[in-house]
Amino acid sequence: MRKILSILTFVLLLGLQAAAQNRSAIAANPADRIIKTYPNPAQTYITFELQAGQKSAYTLKVFNALLGKKMYETQNMPAKVTLNLNDFAMGIYIYQLVDGSGKIVESGKFQVSH
C-alpha cells in the first residue's frame, strides 16, 4: 500500500510540474528561464540562481519526487541559494518557483547522486 501511495504521489507531482510548465510563459530555451540550477546531477550541494534582472519576491520549494515530501522552502528568495544536500537521499527532486500570488511560474527537476 505504501508503495502504491508513493507511486501516486510521484505521478501527481509530475502532473503538477507539467501543469506549471503549461501555464508558464517560459520558453524551453534555457536562456529564457527565470532560474538556473547547477550542478545537475548534484552530489553535495545544488545552487539555484535567479537570472539577471529577475525580482526576488519568489518562493522556492523543493520536493522529493518519489515521496512527495517537501524538503526545503525559502520565501523572498535571494539572487542565489546554495542548498546543502547532506540530508537528501539519492534520487530525483522537483523544485518549484512560486510568485507572490501563489502561481507556479517555473519548475524543474534535479538528481542527487552521492
PDB file of N, CA and C in Angstrom:
ATOM      1  N   MET A   1       0.827  -1.194   0.000  1.00  0.00           N
ATOM      2  CA  MET A   1       0.000   0.000   0.000  1.00  0.00           C
ATOM      3  C   MET A   1       0.870   1.256   0.000  1.00  0.00           C
ATOM      4  N   ARG A   2       1.953   1.224   0.790  1.00  0.00           N
ATOM      5  CA  ARG A   2       2.837   2.381   0.863  1.00  0.00           C
ATOM      6  C   ARG A   2       3.506   2.626  -0.492  1.00  0.00           C
ATOM      7  N   LYS A   3       3.842   1.542  -1.175  1.00  0.00           N
ATOM      8  CA  LYS A   3       4.469   1.660  -2.485  1.00  0.00           C
ATOM      9  C   LYS A   3       3.517   2.307  -3.485  1.00  0.00           C
ATOM     10  N   ILE A   4       2.255   1.910  -3.433  1.00  0.00           N
ATOM     11  CA  ILE A   4       1.246   2.484  -4.326  1.00  0.00           C
ATOM     12  C   ILE A   4       1.071   3.969  -4.037  1.00  0.00           C
ATOM     13  N   LEU A   5       1.042   4.327  -2.758  1.00  0.00           N
ATOM     14  CA  LEU A   5       0.912   5.731  -2.375  1.00  0.00           C
ATOM     15  C   LEU A   5       2.108   6.538  -2.886  1.00  0.00           C
ATOM     16  N   SER A   6       3.300   5.983  -2.781  1.00  0.00           N
ATOM     17  CA  SER A   6       4.492   6.664  -3.272  1.00  0.00           C
ATOM     18  C   SER A   6       4.418   6.877  -4.775  1.00  0.00           C
ATOM     19  N   ILE A   7       3.981   5.869  -5.500  1.00  0.00           N
ATOM     20  CA  ILE A   7       3.865   5.982  -6.956  1.00  0.00           C
ATOM     21  C   ILE A   7       2.825   7.023  -7.335  1.00  0.00           C
ATOM     22  N   LEU A   8       1.691   7.015  -6.650  1.00  0.00           N
ATOM     23  CA  LEU A   8       0.644   8.009  -6.935  1.00  0.00           C
ATOM     24  C   LEU A   8       1.132   9.421  -6.641  1.00  0.00           C
ATOM     25  N   THR A   9       1.882   9.589  -5.564  1.00  0.00           N
ATOM     26  CA  THR A   9       2.429  10.903  -5.219  1.00  0.00           C
ATOM     27  C   THR A   9       3.387  11.367  -6.308  1.00  0.00           C
ATOM     28  N   PHE A  10       4.224  10.453  -6.781  1.00  0.00           N
ATOM     29  CA  PHE A  10       5.172  10.778  -7.843  1.00  0.00           C
ATOM     30  C   PHE A  10       4.434  11.231  -9.105  1.00  0.00           C
ATOM     31  N   VAL A  11       3.410  10.491  -9.484  1.00  0.00           N
ATOM     32  CA  VAL A  11       2.626  10.832 -10.675  1.00  0.00           C
ATOM     33  C   VAL A  11       1.947  12.189 -10.492  1.00  0.00           C
ATOM     34  N   LEU A  12       1.432  12.453  -9.299  1.00  0.00           N
ATOM     35  CA  LEU A  12       0.792  13.735  -9.020  1.00  0.00           C
ATOM     36  C   LEU A  12       1.784  14.881  -9.148  1.00  0.00           C
ATOM     37  N   LEU A  13       2.985  14.714  -8.586  1.00  0.00           N
ATOM     38  CA  LEU A  13       3.983  15.776  -8.679  1.00  0.00           C
ATOM     39  C   LEU A  13       4.420  16.008 -10.120  1.00  0.00           C
ATOM     40  N   LEU A  14       4.548  14.943 -10.880  1.00  0.00           N
ATOM     41  CA  LEU A  14       4.882  15.123 -12.295  1.00  0.00           C
ATOM     42  C   LEU A  14       3.776  15.867 -13.028  1.00  0.00           C
ATOM     43  N   GLY A  15       2.519  15.569 -12.682  1.00  0.00           N
ATOM     44  CA  GLY A  15       1.385  16.281 -13.275  1.00  0.00           C
ATOM     45  C   GLY A  15       1.399  17.755 -12.912  1.00  0.00           C
ATOM     46  N   LEU A  16       1.734  18.050 -11.655  1.00  0.00           N
ATOM     47  CA  LEU A  16       1.837  19.447 -11.224  1.00  0.00           C
ATOM     48  C   LEU A  16       2.934  20.168 -11.986  1.00  0.00           C
ATOM     49  N   GLN A  17       4.046  19.479 -12.187  1.00  0.00           N
ATOM     50  CA  GLN A  17       5.142  20.074 -12.929  1.00  0.00           C
ATOM     51  C   GLN A  17       4.718  20.359 -14.363  1.00  0.00           C
ATOM     52  N   ALA A  18       4.053  19.417 -14.988  1.00  0.00           N
ATOM     53  CA  ALA A  18       3.603  19.615 -16.369  1.00  0.00           C
ATOM     54  C   ALA A  18       2.606  20.761 -16.454  1.00  0.00           C
ATOM     55  N   ALA A  19       1.699  20.828 -15.493  1.00  0.00           N
ATOM     56  CA  ALA A  19       0.714  21.911 -15.485  1.00  0.00           C
ATOM     57  C   ALA A  19       1.397  23.256 -15.305  1.00  0.00           C
ATOM     58  N   ALA A  20       2.394  23.300 -14.447  1.00  0.00           N
ATOM     59  CA  ALA A  20       3.121  24.547 -14.223  1.00  0.00           C
ATOM     60  C   ALA A  20       3.843  24.981 -15.498  1.00  0.00           C
ATOM     61  N   GLN A  21       4.413  24.030 -16.204  1.00  0.00           N
ATOM     62  CA  GLN A  21       5.101  24.377 -17.438  1.00  0.00           C
ATOM     63  C   GLN A  21       4.116  24.834 -18.500  1.00  0.00           C
ATOM     64  N   ASN A  22       2.930  24.262 -18.532  1.00  0.00           N
ATOM     65  CA  ASN A  22       1.924  24.687 -19.498  1.00  0.00           C
ATOM     66  C   ASN A  22       1.402  26.078 -19.192  1.00  0.00           C
ATOM     67  N   ARG A  23       1.247  26.410 -17.903  1.00  0.00           N
ATOM     68  CA  ARG A  23       0.750  27.724 -17.516  1.00  0.00           C
ATOM     69  C   ARG A  23       1.808  28.800 -17.684  1.00  0.00           C
ATOM     70  N   SER A  24       3.045  28.390 -17.620  1.00  0.00           N
ATOM     71  CA  SER A  24       4.133  29.343 -17.644  1.00  0.00           C
ATOM     72  C   SER A  24       4.374  29.853 -19.060  1.00  0.00           C
ATOM     73  N   ALA A  25       4.782  31.107 -19.144  1.00  0.00           N
ATOM     74  CA  ALA A  25       5.141  31.678 -20.438  1.00  0.00           C
ATOM     75  C   ALA A  25       6.621  31.471 -20.713  1.00  0.00           C
ATOM     76  N   ILE A  26       7.281  30.681 -19.874  1.00  0.00           N
ATOM     77  CA  ILE A  26       8.708  30.456 -20.014  1.00  0.00           C
ATOM     78  C   ILE A  26       8.961  29.505 -21.178  1.00  0.00           C
ATOM     79  N   ALA A  27       9.852  29.879 -22.059  1.00  0.00           N
ATOM     80  CA  ALA A  27      10.178  29.043 -23.212  1.00  0.00           C
ATOM     81  C   ALA A  27      11.128  27.921 -22.787  1.00  0.00           C
ATOM     82  N   ALA A  28      11.246  26.936 -23.629  1.00  0.00           N
ATOM     83  CA  ALA A  28      12.127  25.801 -23.359  1.00  0.00           C
ATOM     84  C   ALA A  28      13.596  26.198 -23.431  1.00  0.00           C
ATOM     85  N   ASN A  29      13.892  27.319 -24.042  1.00  0.00           N
ATOM     86  CA  ASN A  29      15.258  27.793 -24.163  1.00  0.00           C
ATOM     87  C   ASN A  29      15.807  28.139 -22.776  1.00  0.00           C
ATOM     88  N   PRO A  30      16.923  27.528 -22.353  1.00  0.00           N
ATOM     89  CA  PRO A  30      17.475  27.805 -21.020  1.00  0.00           C
ATOM     90  C   PRO A  30      17.761  29.281 -20.777  1.00  0.00           C
ATOM     91  N   ALA A  31      18.057  30.037 -21.821  1.00  0.00           N
ATOM     92  CA  ALA A  31      18.335  31.460 -21.646  1.00  0.00           C
ATOM     93  C   ALA A  31      17.080  32.237 -21.238  1.00  0.00           C
ATOM     94  N   ASP A  32      15.898  31.681 -21.493  1.00  0.00           N
ATOM     95  CA  ASP A  32      14.644  32.352 -21.163  1.00  0.00           C
ATOM     96  C   ASP A  32      14.097  31.958 -19.799  1.00  0.00           C
ATOM     97  N   ARG A  33      14.759  31.078 -19.108  1.00  0.00           N
ATOM     98  CA  ARG A  33      14.275  30.609 -17.806  1.00  0.00           C
ATOM     99  C   ARG A  33      14.540  31.665 -16.730  1.00  0.00           C
ATOM    100  N   ILE A  34      13.736  31.627 -15.677  1.00  0.00           N
ATOM    101  CA  ILE A  34      13.872  32.563 -14.567  1.00  0.00           C
ATOM    102  C   ILE A  34      15.001  32.131 -13.640  1.00  0.00           C
ATOM    103  N   ILE A  35      15.145  30.821 -13.466  1.00  0.00           N
ATOM    104  CA  ILE A  35      16.105  30.296 -12.508  1.00  0.00           C
ATOM    105  C   ILE A  35      17.023  29.286 -13.186  1.00  0.00           C
ATOM    106  N   LYS A  36      18.269  29.290 -12.753  1.00  0.00           N
ATOM    107  CA  LYS A  36      19.261  28.345 -13.264  1.00  0.00           C
ATOM    108  C   LYS A  36      19.672  27.439 -12.113  1.00  0.00           C
ATOM    109  N   THR A  37      19.785  26.134 -12.365  1.00  0.00           N
ATOM    110  CA  THR A  37      20.219  25.188 -11.334  1.00  0.00           C
ATOM    111  C   THR A  37      21.491  24.489 -11.805  1.00  0.00           C
ATOM    112  N   TYR A  38      22.404  24.315 -10.872  1.00  0.00           N
ATOM    113  CA  TYR A  38      23.656  23.623 -11.187  1.00  0.00           C
ATOM    114  C   TYR A  38      24.337  23.177  -9.903  1.00  0.00           C
ATOM    115  N   PRO A  39      25.158  22.151  -9.901  1.00  0.00           N
ATOM    116  CA  PRO A  39      25.331  21.160 -10.950  1.00  0.00           C
ATOM    117  C   PRO A  39      24.162  20.183 -10.946  1.00  0.00           C
ATOM    118  N   ASN A  40      23.958  19.520 -12.040  1.00  0.00           N
ATOM    119  CA  ASN A  40      22.893  18.525 -12.131  1.00  0.00           C
ATOM    120  C   ASN A  40      23.371  17.387 -13.014  1.00  0.00           C
ATOM    121  N   PRO A  41      23.601  16.214 -12.472  1.00  0.00           N
ATOM    122  CA  PRO A  41      23.274  15.750 -11.124  1.00  0.00           C
ATOM    123  C   PRO A  41      24.187  16.380 -10.074  1.00  0.00           C
ATOM    124  N   ALA A  42      23.650  16.466  -8.869  1.00  0.00           N
ATOM    125  CA  ALA A  42      24.357  17.081  -7.750  1.00  0.00           C
ATOM    126  C   ALA A  42      24.791  16.015  -6.755  1.00  0.00           C
ATOM    127  N   GLN A  43      25.864  16.303  -6.025  1.00  0.00           N
ATOM    128  CA  GLN A  43      26.337  15.356  -5.021  1.00  0.00           C
ATOM    129  C   GLN A  43      26.264  15.931  -3.619  1.00  0.00           C
ATOM    130  N   THR A  44      26.894  17.061  -3.373  1.00  0.00           N
ATOM    131  CA  THR A  44      26.928  17.620  -2.018  1.00  0.00           C
ATOM    132  C   THR A  44      26.127  18.910  -1.886  1.00  0.00           C
ATOM    133  N   TYR A  45      25.902  19.596  -2.999  1.00  0.00           N
ATOM    134  CA  TYR A  45      25.135  20.833  -2.969  1.00  0.00           C
ATOM    135  C   TYR A  45      24.508  21.062  -4.342  1.00  0.00           C
ATOM    136  N   ILE A  46      23.482  21.912  -4.366  1.00  0.00           N
ATOM    137  CA  ILE A  46      22.916  22.396  -5.629  1.00  0.00           C
ATOM    138  C   ILE A  46      22.675  23.889  -5.468  1.00  0.00           C
ATOM    139  N   THR A  47      22.902  24.624  -6.517  1.00  0.00           N
ATOM    140  CA  THR A  47      22.729  26.071  -6.499  1.00  0.00           C
ATOM    141  C   THR A  47      21.547  26.455  -7.374  1.00  0.00           C
ATOM    142  N   PHE A  48      20.685  27.307  -6.830  1.00  0.00           N
ATOM    143  CA  PHE A  48      19.566  27.897  -7.561  1.00  0.00           C
ATOM    144  C   PHE A  48      19.904  29.376  -7.708  1.00  0.00           C
ATOM    145  N   GLU A  49      19.953  29.841  -8.940  1.00  0.00           N
ATOM    146  CA  GLU A  49      20.353  31.224  -9.181  1.00  0.00           C
ATOM    147  C   GLU A  49      19.339  31.915 -10.085  1.00  0.00           C
ATOM    148  N   LEU A  50      18.789  33.026  -9.594  1.00  0.00           N
ATOM    149  CA  LEU A  50      17.871  33.817 -10.416  1.00  0.00           C
ATOM    150  C   LEU A  50      18.662  34.468 -11.528  1.00  0.00           C
ATOM    151  N   GLN A  51      18.113  34.477 -12.721  1.00  0.00           N
ATOM    152  CA  GLN A  51      18.775  35.118 -13.851  1.00  0.00           C
ATOM    153  C   GLN A  51      18.806  36.625 -13.624  1.00  0.00           C
ATOM    154  N   ALA A  52      19.735  37.288 -14.243  1.00  0.00           N
ATOM    155  CA  ALA A  52      19.899  38.736 -14.085  1.00  0.00           C
ATOM    156  C   ALA A  52      18.599  39.462 -14.409  1.00  0.00           C
ATOM    157  N   GLY A  53      18.261  40.427 -13.590  1.00  0.00           N
ATOM    158  CA  GLY A  53      17.078  41.239 -13.819  1.00  0.00           C
ATOM    159  C   GLY A  53      15.796  40.678 -13.237  1.00  0.00           C
ATOM    160  N   GLN A  54      15.838  39.500 -12.625  1.00  0.00           N
ATOM    161  CA  GLN A  54      14.642  38.901 -12.039  1.00  0.00           C
ATOM    162  C   GLN A  54      14.433  39.438 -10.624  1.00  0.00           C
ATOM    163  N   LYS A  55      13.181  39.656 -10.266  1.00  0.00           N
ATOM    164  CA  LYS A  55      12.858  40.093  -8.918  1.00  0.00           C
ATOM    165  C   LYS A  55      13.085  38.943  -7.940  1.00  0.00           C
ATOM    166  N   SER A  56      13.205  39.269  -6.669  1.00  0.00           N
ATOM    167  CA  SER A  56      13.477  38.218  -5.688  1.00  0.00           C
ATOM    168  C   SER A  56      12.268  37.941  -4.796  1.00  0.00           C
ATOM    169  N   ALA A  57      11.089  38.248  -5.256  1.00  0.00           N
ATOM    170  CA  ALA A  57       9.879  38.036  -4.449  1.00  0.00           C
ATOM    171  C   ALA A  57       9.292  36.649  -4.691  1.00  0.00           C
ATOM    172  N   TYR A  58      10.136  35.681  -5.013  1.00  0.00           N
ATOM    173  CA  TYR A  58       9.684  34.324  -5.273  1.00  0.00           C
ATOM    174  C   TYR A  58       9.881  33.442  -4.039  1.00  0.00           C
ATOM    175  N   THR A  59       9.085  32.385  -3.985  1.00  0.00           N
ATOM    176  CA  THR A  59       9.284  31.328  -3.003  1.00  0.00           C
ATOM    177  C   THR A  59       9.822  30.128  -3.756  1.00  0.00           C
ATOM    178  N   LEU A  60      10.882  29.530  -3.226  1.00  0.00           N
ATOM    179  CA  LEU A  60      11.476  28.338  -3.818  1.00  0.00           C
ATOM    180  C   LEU A  60      11.110  27.144  -2.947  1.00  0.00           C
ATOM    181  N   LYS A  61      10.541  26.106  -3.567  1.00  0.00           N
ATOM    182  CA  LYS A  61      10.169  24.882  -2.862  1.00  0.00           C
ATOM    183  C   LYS A  61      10.847  23.702  -3.538  1.00  0.00           C
ATOM    184  N   VAL A  62      11.331  22.756  -2.728  1.00  0.00           N
ATOM    185  CA  VAL A  62      11.967  21.546  -3.242  1.00  0.00           C
ATOM    186  C   VAL A  62      11.260  20.341  -2.632  1.00  0.00           C
ATOM    187  N   PHE A  63      10.865  19.386  -3.489  1.00  0.00           N
ATOM    188  CA  PHE A  63      10.142  18.190  -3.061  1.00  0.00           C
ATOM    189  C   PHE A  63      10.891  16.939  -3.489  1.00  0.00           C
ATOM    190  N   ASN A  64      10.828  15.902  -2.655  1.00  0.00           N
ATOM    191  CA  ASN A  64      11.298  14.578  -3.042  1.00  0.00           C
ATOM    192  C   ASN A  64      10.263  14.046  -4.023  1.00  0.00           C
ATOM    193  N   ALA A  65      10.685  13.731  -5.241  1.00  0.00           N
ATOM    194  CA  ALA A  65       9.732  13.322  -6.284  1.00  0.00           C
ATOM    195  C   ALA A  65       9.060  12.000  -5.972  1.00  0.00           C
ATOM    196  N   LEU A  66       9.749  11.101  -5.309  1.00  0.00           N
ATOM    197  CA  LEU A  66       9.185   9.789  -5.024  1.00  0.00           C
ATOM    198  C   LEU A  66       8.194   9.826  -3.866  1.00  0.00           C
ATOM    199  N   LEU A  67       8.550  10.546  -2.811  1.00  0.00           N
ATOM    200  CA  LEU A  67       7.711  10.572  -1.608  1.00  0.00           C
ATOM    201  C   LEU A  67       6.741  11.748  -1.566  1.00  0.00           C
ATOM    202  N   GLY A  68       7.010  12.785  -2.344  1.00  0.00           N
ATOM    203  CA  GLY A  68       6.167  13.974  -2.309  1.00  0.00           C
ATOM    204  C   GLY A  68       6.425  14.850  -1.097  1.00  0.00           C
ATOM    205  N   LYS A  69       7.471  14.553  -0.358  1.00  0.00           N
ATOM    206  CA  LYS A  69       7.794  15.283   0.877  1.00  0.00           C
ATOM    207  C   LYS A  69       8.511  16.590   0.545  1.00  0.00           C
ATOM    208  N   LYS A  70       8.046  17.685   1.170  1.00  0.00           N
ATOM    209  CA  LYS A  70       8.726  18.962   0.992  1.00  0.00           C
ATOM    210  C   LYS A  70      10.037  18.909   1.767  1.00  0.00           C
ATOM    211  N   MET A  71      11.128  19.160   1.078  1.00  0.00           N
ATOM    212  CA  MET A  71      12.453  19.073   1.675  1.00  0.00           C
ATOM    213  C   MET A  71      13.026  20.439   2.029  1.00  0.00           C
ATOM    214  N   TYR A  72      12.555  21.487   1.342  1.00  0.00           N
ATOM    215  CA  TYR A  72      13.137  22.813   1.537  1.00  0.00           C
ATOM    216  C   TYR A  72      12.156  23.856   1.028  1.00  0.00           C
ATOM    217  N   GLU A  73      12.153  24.999   1.702  1.00  0.00           N
ATOM    218  CA  GLU A  73      11.350  26.140   1.243  1.00  0.00           C
ATOM    219  C   GLU A  73      11.992  27.415   1.737  1.00  0.00           C
ATOM    220  N   THR A  74      12.059  28.399   0.877  1.00  0.00           N
ATOM    221  CA  THR A  74      12.521  29.722   1.269  1.00  0.00           C
ATOM    222  C   THR A  74      11.652  30.761   0.580  1.00  0.00           C
ATOM    223  N   GLN A  75      11.205  31.737   1.358  1.00  0.00           N
ATOM    224  CA  GLN A  75      10.405  32.830   0.812  1.00  0.00           C
ATOM    225  C   GLN A  75      11.321  34.006   0.534  1.00  0.00           C
ATOM    226  N   ASN A  76      10.893  34.892  -0.369  1.00  0.00           N
ATOM    227  CA  ASN A  76      11.710  36.031  -0.784  1.00  0.00           C
ATOM    228  C   ASN A  76      13.121  35.570  -1.126  1.00  0.00           C
ATOM    229  N   MET A  77      13.159  34.654  -2.045  1.00  0.00           N
ATOM    230  CA  MET A  77      14.409  34.014  -2.440  1.00  0.00           C
ATOM    231  C   MET A  77      15.464  35.041  -2.821  1.00  0.00           C
ATOM    232  N   PRO A  78      16.669  34.916  -2.244  1.00  0.00           N
ATOM    233  CA  PRO A  78      17.754  35.808  -2.674  1.00  0.00           C
ATOM    234  C   PRO A  78      18.199  35.453  -4.093  1.00  0.00           C
ATOM    235  N   ALA A  79      19.072  36.240  -4.660  1.00  0.00           N
ATOM    236  CA  ALA A  79      19.517  36.023  -6.039  1.00  0.00           C
ATOM    237  C   ALA A  79      20.188  34.666  -6.229  1.00  0.00           C
ATOM    238  N   LYS A  80      20.760  34.121  -5.154  1.00  0.00           N
ATOM    239  CA  LYS A  80      21.467  32.846  -5.260  1.00  0.00           C
ATOM    240  C   LYS A  80      21.292  32.066  -3.961  1.00  0.00           C
ATOM    241  N   VAL A  81      20.871  30.797  -4.080  1.00  0.00           N
ATOM    242  CA  VAL A  81      20.703  29.907  -2.929  1.00  0.00           C
ATOM    243  C   VAL A  81      21.527  28.655  -3.204  1.00  0.00           C
ATOM    244  N   THR A  82      22.401  28.306  -2.273  1.00  0.00           N
ATOM    245  CA  THR A  82      23.142  27.051  -2.364  1.00  0.00           C
ATOM    246  C   THR A  82      22.607  26.131  -1.278  1.00  0.00           C
ATOM    247  N   LEU A  83      22.054  25.021  -1.702  1.00  0.00           N
ATOM    248  CA  LEU A  83      21.380  24.083  -0.808  1.00  0.00           C
ATOM    249  C   LEU A  83      22.291  22.888  -0.533  1.00  0.00           C
ATOM    250  N   ASN A  84      22.596  22.663   0.752  1.00  0.00           N
ATOM    251  CA  ASN A  84      23.402  21.523   1.177  1.00  0.00           C
ATOM    252  C   ASN A  84      22.549  20.264   1.063  1.00  0.00           C
ATOM    253  N   LEU A  85      23.080  19.219   0.456  1.00  0.00           N
ATOM    254  CA  LEU A  85      22.312  18.005   0.190  1.00  0.00           C
ATOM    255  C   LEU A  85      22.640  16.853   1.127  1.00  0.00           C
ATOM    256  N   ASN A  86      23.268  17.140   2.272  1.00  0.00           N
ATOM    257  CA  ASN A  86      23.622  16.073   3.215  1.00  0.00           C
ATOM    258  C   ASN A  86      22.405  15.294   3.700  1.00  0.00           C
ATOM    259  N   ASP A  87      21.263  15.944   3.867  1.00  0.00           N
ATOM    260  CA  ASP A  87      20.058  15.284   4.364  1.00  0.00           C
ATOM    261  C   ASP A  87      19.150  14.782   3.240  1.00  0.00           C
ATOM    262  N   PHE A  88      19.627  14.815   2.005  1.00  0.00           N
ATOM    263  CA  PHE A  88      18.844  14.380   0.853  1.00  0.00           C
ATOM    264  C   PHE A  88      19.334  12.997   0.432  1.00  0.00           C
ATOM    265  N   ALA A  89      18.411  12.055   0.294  1.00  0.00           N
ATOM    266  CA  ALA A  89      18.751  10.723  -0.197  1.00  0.00           C
ATOM    267  C   ALA A  89      18.998  10.789  -1.704  1.00  0.00           C
ATOM    268  N   MET A  90      19.671   9.797  -2.235  1.00  0.00           N
ATOM    269  CA  MET A  90      19.845   9.726  -3.683  1.00  0.00           C
ATOM    270  C   MET A  90      18.471   9.646  -4.339  1.00  0.00           C
ATOM    271  N   GLY A  91      18.315  10.333  -5.452  1.00  0.00           N
ATOM    272  CA  GLY A  91      17.042  10.280  -6.150  1.00  0.00           C
ATOM    273  C   GLY A  91      16.758  11.548  -6.919  1.00  0.00           C
ATOM    274  N   ILE A  92      15.510  11.658  -7.364  1.00  0.00           N
ATOM    275  CA  ILE A  92      15.045  12.796  -8.160  1.00  0.00           C
ATOM    276  C   ILE A  92      14.263  13.742  -7.257  1.00  0.00           C
ATOM    277  N   TYR A  93      14.493  15.033  -7.444  1.00  0.00           N
ATOM    278  CA  TYR A  93      13.807  16.075  -6.681  1.00  0.00           C
ATOM    279  C   TYR A  93      13.214  17.081  -7.655  1.00  0.00           C
ATOM    280  N   ILE A  94      12.104  17.649  -7.260  1.00  0.00           N
ATOM    281  CA  ILE A  94      11.404  18.644  -8.072  1.00  0.00           C
ATOM    282  C   ILE A  94      11.455  19.978  -7.339  1.00  0.00           C
ATOM    283  N   TYR A  95      11.750  21.039  -8.075  1.00  0.00           N
ATOM    284  CA  TYR A  95      11.696  22.371  -7.479  1.00  0.00           C
ATOM    285  C   TYR A  95      10.601  23.177  -8.164  1.00  0.00           C
ATOM    286  N   GLN A  96      10.030  24.086  -7.396  1.00  0.00           N
ATOM    287  CA  GLN A  96       9.004  24.991  -7.918  1.00  0.00           C
ATOM    288  C   GLN A  96       9.365  26.405  -7.510  1.00  0.00           C
ATOM    289  N   LEU A  97       9.226  27.324  -8.431  1.00  0.00           N
ATOM    290  CA  LEU A  97       9.398  28.736  -8.164  1.00  0.00           C
ATOM    291  C   LEU A  97       8.006  29.356  -8.204  1.00  0.00           C
ATOM    292  N   VAL A  98       7.580  29.909  -7.078  1.00  0.00           N
ATOM    293  CA  VAL A  98       6.210  30.397  -6.910  1.00  0.00           C
ATOM    294  C   VAL A  98       6.251  31.911  -6.735  1.00  0.00           C
ATOM    295  N   ASP A  99       5.372  32.623  -7.456  1.00  0.00           N
ATOM    296  CA  ASP A  99       5.331  34.085  -7.310  1.00  0.00           C
ATOM    297  C   ASP A  99       4.488  34.483  -6.108  1.00  0.00           C
ATOM    298  N   GLY A 100       4.367  35.769  -5.867  1.00  0.00           N
ATOM    299  CA  GLY A 100       3.658  36.289  -4.703  1.00  0.00           C
ATOM    300  C   GLY A 100       2.183  35.938  -4.653  1.00  0.00           C
ATOM    301  N   SER A 101       1.569  35.653  -5.801  1.00  0.00           N
ATOM    302  CA  SER A 101       0.150  35.302  -5.825  1.00  0.00           C
ATOM    303  C   SER A 101      -0.081  33.795  -5.642  1.00  0.00           C
ATOM    304  N   GLY A 102       1.009  33.028  -5.525  1.00  0.00           N
ATOM    305  CA  GLY A 102       0.884  31.587  -5.342  1.00  0.00           C
ATOM    306  C   GLY A 102       0.949  30.797  -6.631  1.00  0.00           C
ATOM    307  N   LYS A 103       1.170  31.454  -7.746  1.00  0.00           N
ATOM    308  CA  LYS A 103       1.239  30.788  -9.054  1.00  0.00           C
ATOM    309  C   LYS A 103       2.639  30.212  -9.269  1.00  0.00           C
ATOM    310  N   ILE A 104       2.691  28.957  -9.715  1.00  0.00           N
ATOM    311  CA  ILE A 104       3.971  28.337 -10.050  1.00  0.00           C
ATOM    312  C   ILE A 104       4.413  28.901 -11.397  1.00  0.00           C
ATOM    313  N   VAL A 105       5.500  29.652 -11.386  1.00  0.00           N
ATOM    314  CA  VAL A 105       5.966  30.286 -12.619  1.00  0.00           C
ATOM    315  C   VAL A 105       7.045  29.477 -13.316  1.00  0.00           C
ATOM    316  N   GLU A 106       7.676  28.567 -12.577  1.00  0.00           N
ATOM    317  CA  GLU A 106       8.670  27.701 -13.181  1.00  0.00           C
ATOM    318  C   GLU A 106       8.890  26.498 -12.284  1.00  0.00           C
ATOM    319  N   SER A 107       9.179  25.375 -12.887  1.00  0.00           N
ATOM    320  CA  SER A 107       9.504  24.179 -12.129  1.00  0.00           C
ATOM    321  C   SER A 107      10.520  23.367 -12.913  1.00  0.00           C
ATOM    322  N   GLY A 108      11.167  22.477 -12.228  1.00  0.00           N
ATOM    323  CA  GLY A 108      12.159  21.639 -12.867  1.00  0.00           C
ATOM    324  C   GLY A 108      12.527  20.501 -11.929  1.00  0.00           C
ATOM    325  N   LYS A 109      13.517  19.745 -12.354  1.00  0.00           N
ATOM    326  CA  LYS A 109      13.925  18.621 -11.524  1.00  0.00           C
ATOM    327  C   LYS A 109      15.453  18.537 -11.535  1.00  0.00           C
ATOM    328  N   PHE A 110      15.964  17.876 -10.504  1.00  0.00           N
ATOM    329  CA  PHE A 110      17.394  17.623 -10.438  1.00  0.00           C
ATOM    330  C   PHE A 110      17.604  16.284  -9.748  1.00  0.00           C
ATOM    331  N   GLN A 111      18.776  15.737  -9.948  1.00  0.00           N
ATOM    332  CA  GLN A 111      19.095  14.439  -9.401  1.00  0.00           C
ATOM    333  C   GLN A 111      20.187  14.585  -8.349  1.00  0.00           C
ATOM    334  N   VAL A 112      20.019  13.846  -7.240  1.00  0.00           N
ATOM    335  CA  VAL A 112      21.044  13.771  -6.206  1.00  0.00           C
ATOM    336  C   VAL A 112      21.694  12.394  -6.333  1.00  0.00           C
ATOM    337  N   SER A 113      23.002  12.400  -6.506  1.00  0.00           N
ATOM    338  CA  SER A 113      23.749  11.138  -6.615  1.00  0.00           C
ATOM    339  C   SER A 113      24.993  11.241  -5.748  1.00  0.00           C
ATOM    340  N   HIS A 114      24.914  10.750  -4.535  1.00  0.00           N
ATOM    341  CA  HIS A 114      26.039  10.860  -3.582  1.00  0.00           C
ATOM    342  C   HIS A 114      27.203  10.025  -3.988  1.00  0.00           C
TER     343      HIS A 114
END
